[in-house]
C-alpha atoms as a PDB file:
ATOM      1  CA  MET A   1     -82.875 -21.837 -35.402  1.00  0.00           C
ATOM      2  CA  ALA A   2     -79.113 -21.902 -35.646  1.00  0.00           C
ATOM      3  CA  LYS A   3     -77.030 -21.170 -32.578  1.00  0.00           C
ATOM      4  CA  LYS A   4     -74.981 -18.003 -32.655  1.00  0.00           C
ATOM      5  CA  LYS A   5     -71.260 -18.339 -32.226  1.00  0.00           C
ATOM      6  CA  GLN A   6     -69.954 -16.810 -29.041  1.00  0.00           C
ATOM      7  CA  LYS A   7     -67.555 -14.002 -29.793  1.00  0.00           C
ATOM      8  CA  GLU A   8     -64.183 -14.578 -28.136  1.00  0.00           C
ATOM      9  CA  PRO A   9     -62.997 -11.640 -26.042  1.00  0.00           C
ATOM     10  CA  ASP A  10     -60.246  -9.517 -27.551  1.00  0.00           C
ATOM     11  CA  ILE A  11     -56.907 -10.024 -25.869  1.00  0.00           C
ATOM     12  CA  VAL A  12     -55.414  -6.707 -24.849  1.00  0.00           C
ATOM     13  CA  ARG A  13     -51.632  -6.738 -24.717  1.00  0.00           C
ATOM     14  CA  TYR A  14     -49.503  -4.172 -22.942  1.00  0.00           C
ATOM     15  CA  CYS A  15     -45.819  -3.482 -23.439  1.00  0.00           C
ATOM     16  CA  LYS A  16     -45.380  -3.662 -19.651  1.00  0.00           C
ATOM     17  CA  ASP A  17     -46.135  -7.420 -19.852  1.00  0.00           C
ATOM     18  CA  CYS A  18     -43.479  -8.074 -22.513  1.00  0.00           C
ATOM     19  CA  ILE A  19     -40.302  -9.858 -21.444  1.00  0.00           C
ATOM     20  CA  HIS A  20     -38.181  -7.429 -23.489  1.00  0.00           C
ATOM     21  CA  SER A  21     -39.360  -4.243 -21.750  1.00  0.00           C
ATOM     22  CA  GLU A  22     -37.705  -2.851 -18.640  1.00  0.00           C
ATOM     23  CA  PRO A  23     -39.034  -0.043 -16.440  1.00  0.00           C
ATOM     24  CA  ASN A  24     -36.980   3.122 -16.721  1.00  0.00           C
ATOM     25  CA  MET A  25     -36.019   3.986 -13.138  1.00  0.00           C
ATOM     26  CA  LYS A  26     -34.368   7.369 -13.783  1.00  0.00           C
ATOM     27  CA  PHE A  27     -35.486   9.877 -11.173  1.00  0.00           C
ATOM     28  CA  GLU A  28     -36.996  12.241 -13.736  1.00  0.00           C
ATOM     29  CA  ASN A  29     -39.160   9.418 -15.151  1.00  0.00           C
ATOM     30  CA  LEU A  30     -40.709   8.301 -11.843  1.00  0.00           C
ATOM     31  CA  SER A  31     -44.186   9.224 -10.662  1.00  0.00           C
ATOM     32  CA  VAL A  32     -44.849  11.087  -7.428  1.00  0.00           C
ATOM     33  CA  ASN A  33     -45.204   7.693  -5.710  1.00  0.00           C
ATOM     34  CA  GLY A  34     -41.819   6.521  -7.009  1.00  0.00           C
ATOM     35  CA  GLU A  35     -43.258   4.181  -9.651  1.00  0.00           C
ATOM     36  CA  PRO A  36     -41.837   4.110 -13.205  1.00  0.00           C
ATOM     37  CA  THR A  37     -43.868   5.761 -15.957  1.00  0.00           C
ATOM     38  CA  LEU A  38     -41.716   4.788 -18.968  1.00  0.00           C
ATOM     39  CA  LEU A  39     -40.401   1.525 -20.410  1.00  0.00           C
ATOM     40  CA  SER A  40     -37.201   0.840 -22.289  1.00  0.00           C
ATOM     41  CA  CYS A  41     -37.182  -1.757 -25.048  1.00  0.00           C
ATOM     42  CA  PRO A  42     -34.245  -2.841 -27.223  1.00  0.00           C
ATOM     43  CA  TYR A  43     -36.557  -3.007 -30.272  1.00  0.00           C
ATOM     44  CA  GLN A  44     -37.929   0.541 -29.950  1.00  0.00           C
ATOM     45  CA  GLU A  45     -36.046   3.746 -30.672  1.00  0.00           C
ATOM     46  CA  TRP A  46     -37.881   5.785 -28.016  1.00  0.00           C
ATOM     47  CA  ARG A  47     -39.088   5.034 -24.509  1.00  0.00           C
ATOM     48  CA  MET A  48     -42.750   4.108 -24.193  1.00  0.00           C
ATOM     49  CA  LEU A  49     -45.461   4.887 -21.668  1.00  0.00           C
ATOM     50  CA  ILE A  50     -46.270   1.925 -19.439  1.00  0.00           C
ATOM     51  CA  THR A  51     -49.963   2.053 -20.360  1.00  0.00           C
ATOM     52  CA  THR A  52     -49.443   1.820 -24.123  1.00  0.00           C
ATOM     53  CA  THR A  53     -51.456  -0.875 -25.926  1.00  0.00           C
ATOM     54  CA  GLU A  54     -49.611  -0.795 -29.243  1.00  0.00           C
ATOM     55  CA  VAL A  55     -47.325  -3.784 -29.006  1.00  0.00           C
ATOM     56  CA  CYS A  56     -44.789  -4.614 -31.678  1.00  0.00           C
ATOM     57  CA  ASP A  57     -44.257  -7.881 -33.522  1.00  0.00           C
ATOM     58  CA  LYS A  58     -41.474  -8.822 -31.070  1.00  0.00           C
ATOM     59  CA  TYR A  59     -43.963  -9.051 -28.173  1.00  0.00           C
ATOM     60  CA  GLU A  60     -43.531 -12.075 -25.896  1.00  0.00           C
ATOM     61  CA  ASP A  61     -44.950 -12.660 -22.448  1.00  0.00           C
ATOM     62  CA  ASN A  62     -44.635 -15.175 -19.628  1.00  0.00           C
ATOM     63  CA  LEU A  63     -47.994 -14.431 -18.076  1.00  0.00           C
ATOM     64  CA  GLU A  64     -50.117 -17.296 -16.847  1.00  0.00           C
ATOM     65  CA  PRO A  65     -53.840 -17.245 -17.649  1.00  0.00           C
ATOM     66  CA  THR A  66     -55.739 -15.426 -14.938  1.00  0.00           C
ATOM     67  CA  VAL A  67     -58.633 -17.910 -14.810  1.00  0.00           C
ATOM     68  CA  THR A  68     -57.785 -21.567 -14.453  1.00  0.00           C
ATOM     69  CA  GLU A  69     -59.993 -24.636 -14.411  1.00  0.00           C
ATOM     70  CA  GLU A  70     -59.224 -25.228 -10.728  1.00  0.00           C
ATOM     71  CA  VAL A  71     -60.503 -21.794  -9.765  1.00  0.00           C
ATOM     72  CA  ILE A  72     -63.722 -22.338 -11.724  1.00  0.00           C
ATOM     73  CA  GLU A  73     -64.284 -25.734 -10.090  1.00  0.00           C
ATOM     74  CA  GLN A  74     -63.748 -24.321  -6.603  1.00  0.00           C
ATOM     75  CA  SER A  75     -66.106 -21.411  -7.154  1.00  0.00           C
ATOM     76  CA  THR A  76     -68.921 -23.679  -8.375  1.00  0.00           C
ATOM     77  CA  ALA A  77     -68.332 -26.169  -5.563  1.00  0.00           C
ATOM     78  CA  THR A  78     -68.764 -23.524  -2.856  1.00  0.00           C
ATOM     79  CA  SER A  79     -71.832 -21.871  -4.383  1.00  0.00           C
ATOM     80  CA  SER A  80     -75.142 -22.624  -2.781  1.00  0.00           C
ATOM     81  CA  SER A  81     -78.614 -22.586  -4.231  1.00  0.00           C
ATOM     82  CA  ASN A  82     -79.974 -21.085  -1.022  1.00  0.00           C
ATOM     83  CA  TRP A  83     -80.357 -17.333  -1.538  1.00  0.00           C
ATOM     84  CA  LEU A  84     -79.829 -16.685   2.189  1.00  0.00           C
ATOM     85  CA  ASP A  85     -76.222 -17.873   1.889  1.00  0.00           C
ATOM     86  CA  TRP A  86     -75.366 -14.904  -0.319  1.00  0.00           C
END
């Protein structure tokens, strides 16, 4: 029997992670907690909601991968086969 290929997870990109976007800090665009709700981008005509997932072709990010090899090695090194340790 042939092995099935593992499907790679879809990468979800947000405009808030783009290096071109800047939070709009005008008072009328802040949430009740004082956090920005809109982004300004030089490549878009209108301001965007922070939670938008439709990124443009100019999208660039500086984000580091969230899971690294070091973290995986540490988590397996500290795991125990004894169920009482859980």
